[in-house]
Amino acid sequence: MSITPRPELPARSELPARPELPRGGRFVLGVLIFGVLATLAYWVVWFGVDRELLASAHSESYYAFENAFPLADAWMVAAGLGAIVGLLRRRASALLWILAAGAISIYLGLLDVLFDLENGIYGSPDRAGVCVEIAINVLTLAFGSVIMIWAWRRRRELTRLTGW
């Protein structure tokens, strides 16, 4: 009985080069990772620690409004994860997932801002809660806009990446 030797793997220098991310890609990857982790942390605190740490109002209507967000936020997290995986694997699908995550983020941010304006949340005497709310609103709208603008400007480079 003879043992067949294993074929040698190609030297590292012979492997196809992994394409570079388009300029700004690492920053966008960081924004996406931050967004996913921050969203998950928010809901862990809201449901598992103490929602009063995050609440900018303390009424049943406010709690009902906030409790309507987890499923939509889960979809935003899923799109963000798709974008992260797409960028890390250098997949053309990153474009789709970045645009989806950005659009979801802006939509949810606008819903939140409108509720806050219509219900006097920004004028609440709870200054710490108002600061948390403003930070969430600004980050949600800004990060959603930034990643969508970046992806659209880099769409040709992103679609040249392999696979979906």
N, C-alpha and C. Protein backbone atom coordinates (compact mmCIF):
# COMPACT_ATOMS: atom_id res chain seq x y z
N MET A 1 0.84 -1.16 0.00
CA MET A 1 0.00 0.00 0.00
C MET A 1 0.89 1.24 0.00
N SER A 2 0.70 2.08 -0.97
CA SER A 2 1.52 3.29 -1.02
C SER A 2 0.68 4.50 -0.59
N ILE A 3 1.35 5.42 0.03
CA ILE A 3 0.69 6.63 0.49
C ILE A 3 0.96 7.72 -0.53
N THR A 4 -0.11 8.31 -1.00
CA THR A 4 0.02 9.39 -1.97
C THR A 4 0.32 10.68 -1.22
N PRO A 5 1.39 11.35 -1.61
CA PRO A 5 1.71 12.61 -0.91
C PRO A 5 0.64 13.67 -1.20
N ARG A 6 0.40 14.50 -0.20
CA ARG A 6 -0.55 15.60 -0.38
C ARG A 6 0.04 16.63 -1.33
N PRO A 7 -0.79 17.15 -2.21
CA PRO A 7 -0.25 18.20 -3.08
C PRO A 7 0.09 19.42 -2.25
N GLU A 8 1.12 20.10 -2.68
CA GLU A 8 1.54 21.28 -1.94
C GLU A 8 0.58 22.43 -2.22
N LEU A 9 0.36 23.21 -1.19
CA LEU A 9 -0.46 24.41 -1.36
C LEU A 9 0.38 25.47 -2.04
N PRO A 10 -0.25 26.33 -2.80
CA PRO A 10 0.54 27.39 -3.44
C PRO A 10 1.15 28.30 -2.39
N ALA A 11 2.30 28.84 -2.72
CA ALA A 11 2.94 29.79 -1.81
C ALA A 11 2.03 31.00 -1.65
N ARG A 12 2.13 31.65 -0.51
CA ARG A 12 1.29 32.82 -0.24
C ARG A 12 1.39 33.84 -1.36
N SER A 13 2.55 34.03 -1.89
CA SER A 13 2.74 35.03 -2.95
C SER A 13 2.04 34.61 -4.24
N GLU A 14 1.69 33.32 -4.39
CA GLU A 14 1.02 32.85 -5.60
C GLU A 14 -0.50 32.94 -5.50
N LEU A 15 -1.01 33.16 -4.28
CA LEU A 15 -2.46 33.28 -4.11
C LEU A 15 -2.94 34.60 -4.70
N PRO A 16 -4.17 34.62 -5.21
CA PRO A 16 -4.67 35.88 -5.75
C PRO A 16 -4.73 36.93 -4.63
N ALA A 17 -4.37 38.14 -4.97
CA ALA A 17 -4.37 39.22 -3.99
C ALA A 17 -5.80 39.56 -3.59
N ARG A 18 -6.00 39.74 -2.32
CA ARG A 18 -7.31 40.14 -1.81
C ARG A 18 -7.50 41.61 -2.19
N PRO A 19 -8.62 41.93 -2.82
CA PRO A 19 -8.80 43.33 -3.22
C PRO A 19 -8.86 44.26 -2.01
N GLU A 20 -8.36 45.45 -2.19
CA GLU A 20 -8.42 46.45 -1.13
C GLU A 20 -9.84 47.01 -1.06
N LEU A 21 -10.21 47.45 0.11
CA LEU A 21 -11.47 48.16 0.24
C LEU A 21 -11.33 49.52 -0.45
N PRO A 22 -12.40 50.02 -1.00
CA PRO A 22 -12.32 51.38 -1.55
C PRO A 22 -11.92 52.37 -0.46
N ARG A 23 -11.36 53.49 -0.87
CA ARG A 23 -10.93 54.53 0.08
C ARG A 23 -12.07 54.86 1.04
N GLY A 24 -11.77 54.89 2.32
CA GLY A 24 -12.78 55.17 3.34
C GLY A 24 -13.49 53.93 3.84
N GLY A 25 -13.19 52.78 3.26
CA GLY A 25 -13.87 51.54 3.61
C GLY A 25 -13.68 51.12 5.05
N ARG A 26 -12.49 51.33 5.58
CA ARG A 26 -12.25 50.95 6.98
C ARG A 26 -13.07 51.82 7.93
N PHE A 27 -13.18 53.10 7.61
CA PHE A 27 -13.99 53.99 8.42
C PHE A 27 -15.45 53.53 8.41
N VAL A 28 -15.97 53.23 7.21
CA VAL A 28 -17.35 52.78 7.09
C VAL A 28 -17.54 51.46 7.82
N LEU A 29 -16.59 50.57 7.73
CA LEU A 29 -16.64 49.32 8.48
C LEU A 29 -16.72 49.60 9.98
N GLY A 30 -15.94 50.54 10.46
CA GLY A 30 -15.99 50.93 11.86
C GLY A 30 -17.34 51.51 12.26
N VAL A 31 -17.91 52.35 11.39
CA VAL A 31 -19.23 52.92 11.66
C VAL A 31 -20.28 51.81 11.75
N LEU A 32 -20.21 50.86 10.83
CA LEU A 32 -21.17 49.75 10.83
C LEU A 32 -21.04 48.90 12.10
N ILE A 33 -19.82 48.58 12.47
CA ILE A 33 -19.60 47.77 13.68
C ILE A 33 -20.11 48.53 14.90
N PHE A 34 -19.78 49.81 14.98
CA PHE A 34 -20.26 50.63 16.10
C PHE A 34 -21.79 50.64 16.13
N GLY A 35 -22.42 50.83 14.98
CA GLY A 35 -23.88 50.89 14.92
C GLY A 35 -24.53 49.60 15.38
N VAL A 36 -24.00 48.48 14.93
CA VAL A 36 -24.55 47.18 15.34
C VAL A 36 -24.39 46.98 16.84
N LEU A 37 -23.19 47.23 17.36
CA LEU A 37 -22.94 47.01 18.79
C LEU A 37 -23.73 47.99 19.66
N ALA A 38 -23.81 49.25 19.23
CA ALA A 38 -24.56 50.25 20.01
C ALA A 38 -26.05 49.91 20.05
N THR A 39 -26.59 49.46 18.93
CA THR A 39 -28.01 49.09 18.88
C THR A 39 -28.29 47.91 19.79
N LEU A 40 -27.44 46.89 19.71
CA LEU A 40 -27.61 45.73 20.59
C LEU A 40 -27.47 46.11 22.06
N ALA A 41 -26.49 46.96 22.37
CA ALA A 41 -26.29 47.40 23.75
C ALA A 41 -27.50 48.18 24.27
N TYR A 42 -28.08 49.01 23.40
CA TYR A 42 -29.26 49.78 23.80
C TYR A 42 -30.38 48.86 24.27
N TRP A 43 -30.65 47.82 23.47
CA TRP A 43 -31.76 46.94 23.82
C TRP A 43 -31.44 46.03 25.00
N VAL A 44 -30.19 45.68 25.19
CA VAL A 44 -29.80 44.92 26.38
C VAL A 44 -30.07 45.77 27.62
N VAL A 45 -29.69 47.05 27.58
CA VAL A 45 -29.94 47.94 28.71
C VAL A 45 -31.44 48.15 28.88
N TRP A 46 -32.15 48.42 27.78
CA TRP A 46 -33.60 48.71 27.85
C TRP A 46 -34.39 47.55 28.48
N PHE A 47 -34.13 46.34 28.00
CA PHE A 47 -34.91 45.20 28.46
C PHE A 47 -34.26 44.41 29.60
N GLY A 48 -32.94 44.48 29.71
CA GLY A 48 -32.26 43.61 30.67
C GLY A 48 -31.64 44.29 31.86
N VAL A 49 -31.43 45.60 31.79
CA VAL A 49 -30.75 46.28 32.89
C VAL A 49 -31.74 47.24 33.56
N ASP A 50 -31.95 48.41 32.93
CA ASP A 50 -32.87 49.40 33.49
C ASP A 50 -33.18 50.43 32.41
N ARG A 51 -34.38 50.37 31.87
CA ARG A 51 -34.75 51.28 30.79
C ARG A 51 -34.71 52.74 31.22
N GLU A 52 -34.79 52.99 32.51
CA GLU A 52 -34.76 54.36 33.01
C GLU A 52 -33.40 55.03 32.72
N LEU A 53 -32.36 54.23 32.54
CA LEU A 53 -31.05 54.79 32.19
C LEU A 53 -31.08 55.44 30.81
N LEU A 54 -31.97 54.99 29.93
CA LEU A 54 -32.04 55.48 28.56
C LEU A 54 -33.24 56.36 28.28
N ALA A 55 -34.28 56.23 29.09
CA ALA A 55 -35.54 56.91 28.82
C ALA A 55 -35.39 58.42 28.93
N SER A 56 -35.89 59.12 27.90
CA SER A 56 -35.90 60.58 27.95
C SER A 56 -37.27 61.10 28.38
N ALA A 57 -38.23 60.21 28.56
CA ALA A 57 -39.55 60.53 29.11
C ALA A 57 -39.98 59.31 29.93
N HIS A 58 -40.96 59.53 30.76
CA HIS A 58 -41.36 58.45 31.66
C HIS A 58 -42.88 58.29 31.65
N SER A 59 -43.43 58.16 30.45
CA SER A 59 -44.88 57.98 30.31
C SER A 59 -45.13 56.66 29.60
N GLU A 60 -46.35 56.17 29.76
CA GLU A 60 -46.72 54.91 29.10
C GLU A 60 -46.65 55.06 27.58
N SER A 61 -47.03 56.23 27.05
CA SER A 61 -46.98 56.41 25.59
C SER A 61 -45.54 56.39 25.08
N TYR A 62 -44.61 56.94 25.86
CA TYR A 62 -43.20 56.91 25.47
C TYR A 62 -42.69 55.48 25.48
N TYR A 63 -43.01 54.72 26.55
CA TYR A 63 -42.56 53.33 26.63
C TYR A 63 -43.16 52.49 25.50
N ALA A 64 -44.42 52.75 25.18
CA ALA A 64 -45.07 52.02 24.07
C ALA A 64 -44.37 52.35 22.75
N PHE A 65 -44.03 53.62 22.56
CA PHE A 65 -43.32 54.03 21.34
C PHE A 65 -41.97 53.32 21.24
N GLU A 66 -41.19 53.39 22.30
CA GLU A 66 -39.87 52.75 22.29
C GLU A 66 -39.97 51.23 22.10
N ASN A 67 -40.97 50.63 22.69
CA ASN A 67 -41.13 49.18 22.58
C ASN A 67 -41.57 48.74 21.19
N ALA A 68 -41.92 49.69 20.32
CA ALA A 68 -42.27 49.37 18.94
C ALA A 68 -41.02 49.25 18.05
N PHE A 69 -39.85 49.60 18.55
CA PHE A 69 -38.63 49.65 17.74
C PHE A 69 -37.80 48.36 17.64
N PRO A 70 -37.85 47.43 18.59
CA PRO A 70 -36.90 46.31 18.53
C PRO A 70 -36.89 45.52 17.23
N LEU A 71 -38.03 45.24 16.65
CA LEU A 71 -38.04 44.45 15.42
C LEU A 71 -37.40 45.22 14.26
N ALA A 72 -37.75 46.49 14.14
CA ALA A 72 -37.14 47.31 13.09
C ALA A 72 -35.64 47.49 13.33
N ASP A 73 -35.26 47.66 14.58
CA ASP A 73 -33.82 47.76 14.89
C ASP A 73 -33.11 46.44 14.59
N ALA A 74 -33.79 45.31 14.81
CA ALA A 74 -33.20 44.02 14.48
C ALA A 74 -32.94 43.92 12.98
N TRP A 75 -33.85 44.44 12.18
CA TRP A 75 -33.66 44.45 10.72
C TRP A 75 -32.48 45.34 10.36
N MET A 76 -32.34 46.49 11.04
CA MET A 76 -31.20 47.37 10.79
C MET A 76 -29.90 46.66 11.17
N VAL A 77 -29.89 45.95 12.29
CA VAL A 77 -28.71 45.20 12.71
C VAL A 77 -28.38 44.11 11.69
N ALA A 78 -29.40 43.41 11.19
CA ALA A 78 -29.17 42.36 10.19
C ALA A 78 -28.56 42.96 8.92
N ALA A 79 -29.08 44.10 8.48
CA ALA A 79 -28.51 44.75 7.30
C ALA A 79 -27.08 45.21 7.58
N GLY A 80 -26.85 45.73 8.78
CA GLY A 80 -25.49 46.14 9.15
C GLY A 80 -24.53 44.97 9.17
N LEU A 81 -24.98 43.83 9.68
CA LEU A 81 -24.14 42.63 9.68
C LEU A 81 -23.86 42.16 8.25
N GLY A 82 -24.88 42.22 7.38
CA GLY A 82 -24.68 41.88 5.97
C GLY A 82 -23.63 42.78 5.34
N ALA A 83 -23.68 44.07 5.67
CA ALA A 83 -22.69 45.03 5.14
C ALA A 83 -21.30 44.73 5.68
N ILE A 84 -21.21 44.44 6.95
CA ILE A 84 -19.91 44.13 7.57
C ILE A 84 -19.30 42.89 6.91
N VAL A 85 -20.10 41.84 6.80
CA VAL A 85 -19.61 40.60 6.19
C VAL A 85 -19.22 40.85 4.73
N GLY A 86 -20.05 41.59 4.02
CA GLY A 86 -19.75 41.90 2.62
C GLY A 86 -18.44 42.66 2.46
N LEU A 87 -18.21 43.63 3.33
CA LEU A 87 -16.96 44.39 3.25
C LEU A 87 -15.76 43.53 3.64
N LEU A 88 -15.90 42.76 4.71
CA LEU A 88 -14.78 41.93 5.15
C LEU A 88 -14.41 40.87 4.12
N ARG A 89 -15.43 40.31 3.46
CA ARG A 89 -15.18 39.28 2.45
C ARG A 89 -14.97 39.85 1.06
N ARG A 90 -15.02 41.18 0.99
CA ARG A 90 -14.83 41.89 -0.30
C ARG A 90 -15.86 41.41 -1.32
N ARG A 91 -17.12 41.46 -0.95
CA ARG A 91 -18.23 41.02 -1.79
C ARG A 91 -18.98 42.23 -2.33
N ALA A 92 -19.44 42.12 -3.55
CA ALA A 92 -20.23 43.18 -4.16
C ALA A 92 -21.53 43.41 -3.41
N SER A 93 -22.00 42.42 -2.70
CA SER A 93 -23.24 42.56 -1.93
C SER A 93 -23.12 43.62 -0.84
N ALA A 94 -21.92 44.01 -0.50
CA ALA A 94 -21.73 45.06 0.50
C ALA A 94 -22.49 46.33 0.11
N LEU A 95 -22.52 46.64 -1.18
CA LEU A 95 -23.25 47.84 -1.64
C LEU A 95 -24.72 47.77 -1.24
N LEU A 96 -25.37 46.66 -1.54
CA LEU A 96 -26.78 46.48 -1.19
C LEU A 96 -26.99 46.64 0.31
N TRP A 97 -26.19 45.95 1.10
CA TRP A 97 -26.40 45.94 2.55
C TRP A 97 -26.06 47.28 3.19
N ILE A 98 -25.06 47.98 2.68
CA ILE A 98 -24.74 49.31 3.22
C ILE A 98 -25.89 50.27 2.93
N LEU A 99 -26.39 50.26 1.69
CA LEU A 99 -27.50 51.15 1.36
C LEU A 99 -28.74 50.81 2.18
N ALA A 100 -29.00 49.52 2.39
CA ALA A 100 -30.15 49.12 3.21
C ALA A 100 -29.97 49.58 4.65
N ALA A 101 -28.82 49.33 5.24
CA ALA A 101 -28.58 49.72 6.63
C ALA A 101 -28.68 51.23 6.79
N GLY A 102 -28.12 51.97 5.85
CA GLY A 102 -28.19 53.43 5.93
C GLY A 102 -29.61 53.95 5.81
N ALA A 103 -30.37 53.39 4.87
CA ALA A 103 -31.75 53.83 4.68
C ALA A 103 -32.61 53.51 5.90
N ILE A 104 -32.43 52.32 6.45
CA ILE A 104 -33.18 51.93 7.65
C ILE A 104 -32.83 52.88 8.81
N SER A 105 -31.55 53.17 8.96
CA SER A 105 -31.09 54.05 10.03
C SER A 105 -31.73 55.44 9.92
N ILE A 106 -31.73 55.99 8.73
CA ILE A 106 -32.32 57.32 8.52
C ILE A 106 -33.82 57.28 8.79
N TYR A 107 -34.50 56.28 8.28
CA TYR A 107 -35.94 56.15 8.48
C TYR A 107 -36.28 56.09 9.97
N LEU A 108 -35.59 55.21 10.71
CA LEU A 108 -35.86 55.07 12.13
C LEU A 108 -35.50 56.35 12.89
N GLY A 109 -34.41 56.99 12.49
CA GLY A 109 -34.02 58.25 13.12
C GLY A 109 -35.07 59.33 12.92
N LEU A 110 -35.62 59.41 11.71
CA LEU A 110 -36.66 60.41 11.44
C LEU A 110 -37.94 60.12 12.23
N LEU A 111 -38.31 58.86 12.36
CA LEU A 111 -39.47 58.51 13.19
C LEU A 111 -39.26 58.98 14.63
N ASP A 112 -38.07 58.74 15.13
CA ASP A 112 -37.74 59.11 16.50
C ASP A 112 -37.78 60.64 16.68
N VAL A 113 -37.17 61.37 15.75
CA VAL A 113 -37.16 62.84 15.83
C VAL A 113 -38.58 63.39 15.79
N LEU A 114 -39.41 62.89 14.89
CA LEU A 114 -40.78 63.38 14.79
C LEU A 114 -41.55 63.13 16.09
N PHE A 115 -41.41 61.94 16.65
CA PHE A 115 -42.06 61.65 17.93
C PHE A 115 -41.57 62.62 19.00
N ASP A 116 -40.26 62.84 19.06
CA ASP A 116 -39.69 63.72 20.07
C ASP A 116 -40.20 65.15 19.92
N LEU A 117 -40.31 65.64 18.68
CA LEU A 117 -40.81 66.99 18.44
C LEU A 117 -42.29 67.11 18.80
N GLU A 118 -43.07 66.13 18.39
CA GLU A 118 -44.52 66.19 18.64
C GLU A 118 -44.88 66.00 20.10
N ASN A 119 -43.99 65.38 20.86
CA ASN A 119 -44.31 65.07 22.26
C ASN A 119 -43.46 65.84 23.27
N GLY A 120 -42.76 66.86 22.81
CA GLY A 120 -42.01 67.73 23.72
C GLY A 120 -40.85 67.07 24.42
N ILE A 121 -40.32 66.01 23.84
CA ILE A 121 -39.22 65.28 24.49
C ILE A 121 -37.98 66.17 24.64
N TYR A 122 -37.68 66.97 23.63
CA TYR A 122 -36.48 67.80 23.69
C TYR A 122 -36.59 68.89 24.76
N GLY A 123 -37.80 69.20 25.20
CA GLY A 123 -38.00 70.21 26.24
C GLY A 123 -38.15 69.62 27.63
N SER A 124 -37.91 68.34 27.77
CA SER A 124 -38.07 67.65 29.05
C SER A 124 -37.10 68.22 30.09
N PRO A 125 -37.52 68.29 31.34
CA PRO A 125 -36.60 68.74 32.39
C PRO A 125 -35.47 67.73 32.68
N ASP A 126 -35.62 66.49 32.20
CA ASP A 126 -34.59 65.47 32.38
C ASP A 126 -33.48 65.71 31.36
N ARG A 127 -32.54 66.58 31.69
CA ARG A 127 -31.47 66.99 30.76
C ARG A 127 -30.60 65.81 30.32
N ALA A 128 -30.31 64.90 31.21
CA ALA A 128 -29.49 63.74 30.84
C ALA A 128 -30.23 62.89 29.80
N GLY A 129 -31.52 62.67 30.02
CA GLY A 129 -32.32 61.90 29.07
C GLY A 129 -32.41 62.59 27.72
N VAL A 130 -32.55 63.92 27.74
CA VAL A 130 -32.60 64.69 26.48
C VAL A 130 -31.28 64.57 25.74
N CYS A 131 -30.17 64.63 26.48
CA CYS A 131 -28.85 64.51 25.84
C CYS A 131 -28.68 63.13 25.20
N VAL A 132 -29.13 62.10 25.89
CA VAL A 132 -29.06 60.74 25.32
C VAL A 132 -29.89 60.68 24.06
N GLU A 133 -31.10 61.23 24.10
CA GLU A 133 -32.00 61.20 22.94
C GLU A 133 -31.43 61.96 21.75
N ILE A 134 -30.88 63.14 22.01
CA ILE A 134 -30.27 63.94 20.93
C ILE A 134 -29.08 63.19 20.34
N ALA A 135 -28.25 62.60 21.19
CA ALA A 135 -27.09 61.85 20.70
C ALA A 135 -27.53 60.69 19.80
N ILE A 136 -28.56 59.96 20.24
CA ILE A 136 -29.07 58.85 19.43
C ILE A 136 -29.60 59.36 18.10
N ASN A 137 -30.37 60.45 18.14
CA ASN A 137 -30.93 61.00 16.90
C ASN A 137 -29.84 61.46 15.94
N VAL A 138 -28.88 62.20 16.44
CA VAL A 138 -27.80 62.73 15.59
C VAL A 138 -26.97 61.59 15.01
N LEU A 139 -26.58 60.64 15.84
CA LEU A 139 -25.76 59.52 15.36
C LEU A 139 -26.51 58.66 14.35
N THR A 140 -27.78 58.39 14.62
CA THR A 140 -28.57 57.56 13.72
C THR A 140 -28.69 58.21 12.35
N LEU A 141 -29.01 59.50 12.34
CA LEU A 141 -29.17 60.21 11.06
C LEU A 141 -27.83 60.43 10.37
N ALA A 142 -26.82 60.83 11.13
CA ALA A 142 -25.51 61.11 10.54
C ALA A 142 -24.85 59.85 9.99
N PHE A 143 -24.81 58.78 10.80
CA PHE A 143 -24.15 57.57 10.34
C PHE A 143 -24.88 56.95 9.16
N GLY A 144 -26.21 56.96 9.19
CA GLY A 144 -26.96 56.45 8.05
C GLY A 144 -26.64 57.21 6.78
N SER A 145 -26.57 58.53 6.90
CA SER A 145 -26.26 59.38 5.74
C SER A 145 -24.83 59.14 5.25
N VAL A 146 -23.89 59.09 6.18
CA VAL A 146 -22.48 58.93 5.82
C VAL A 146 -22.25 57.62 5.06
N ILE A 147 -22.80 56.52 5.58
CA ILE A 147 -22.52 55.24 4.90
C ILE A 147 -23.22 55.16 3.55
N MET A 148 -24.42 55.74 3.44
CA MET A 148 -25.11 55.72 2.14
C MET A 148 -24.37 56.56 1.10
N ILE A 149 -23.94 57.75 1.51
CA ILE A 149 -23.19 58.62 0.59
C ILE A 149 -21.90 57.94 0.16
N TRP A 150 -21.18 57.36 1.12
CA TRP A 150 -19.92 56.68 0.78
C TRP A 150 -20.18 55.54 -0.20
N ALA A 151 -21.18 54.71 0.11
CA ALA A 151 -21.45 53.55 -0.74
C ALA A 151 -21.86 53.98 -2.14
N TRP A 152 -22.65 55.01 -2.23
CA TRP A 152 -23.09 55.45 -3.56
C TRP A 152 -21.92 56.01 -4.36
N ARG A 153 -21.07 56.77 -3.71
CA ARG A 153 -19.89 57.32 -4.40
C ARG A 153 -18.91 56.23 -4.80
N ARG A 154 -18.88 55.14 -4.08
CA ARG A 154 -17.96 54.03 -4.35
C ARG A 154 -18.66 52.84 -5.00
N ARG A 155 -19.86 53.04 -5.52
CA ARG A 155 -20.65 51.92 -6.05
C ARG A 155 -19.95 51.16 -7.16
N ARG A 156 -19.22 51.85 -8.03
CA ARG A 156 -18.53 51.15 -9.12
C ARG A 156 -17.42 50.25 -8.57
N GLU A 157 -16.69 50.76 -7.60
CA GLU A 157 -15.63 49.95 -6.98
C GLU A 157 -16.23 48.77 -6.22
N LEU A 158 -17.32 49.02 -5.51
CA LEU A 158 -17.95 47.95 -4.73
C LEU A 158 -18.53 46.87 -5.63
N THR A 159 -19.14 47.23 -6.74
CA THR A 159 -19.74 46.22 -7.61
C THR A 159 -18.69 45.43 -8.39
N ARG A 160 -17.45 45.91 -8.43
CA ARG A 160 -16.37 45.15 -9.06
C ARG A 160 -15.83 44.05 -8.15
N LEU A 161 -16.20 44.09 -6.88
CA LEU A 161 -15.78 43.02 -5.98
C LEU A 161 -16.48 41.74 -6.39
N THR A 162 -15.96 40.61 -5.96
CA THR A 162 -16.51 39.32 -6.41
C THR A 162 -17.72 38.92 -5.58
N GLY A 163 -18.62 38.21 -6.20
CA GLY A 163 -19.71 37.53 -5.52
C GLY A 163 -20.72 38.40 -4.80
N TRP A 164 -21.77 37.76 -4.42
CA TRP A 164 -22.84 38.43 -3.68
C TRP A 164 -23.01 37.74 -2.38
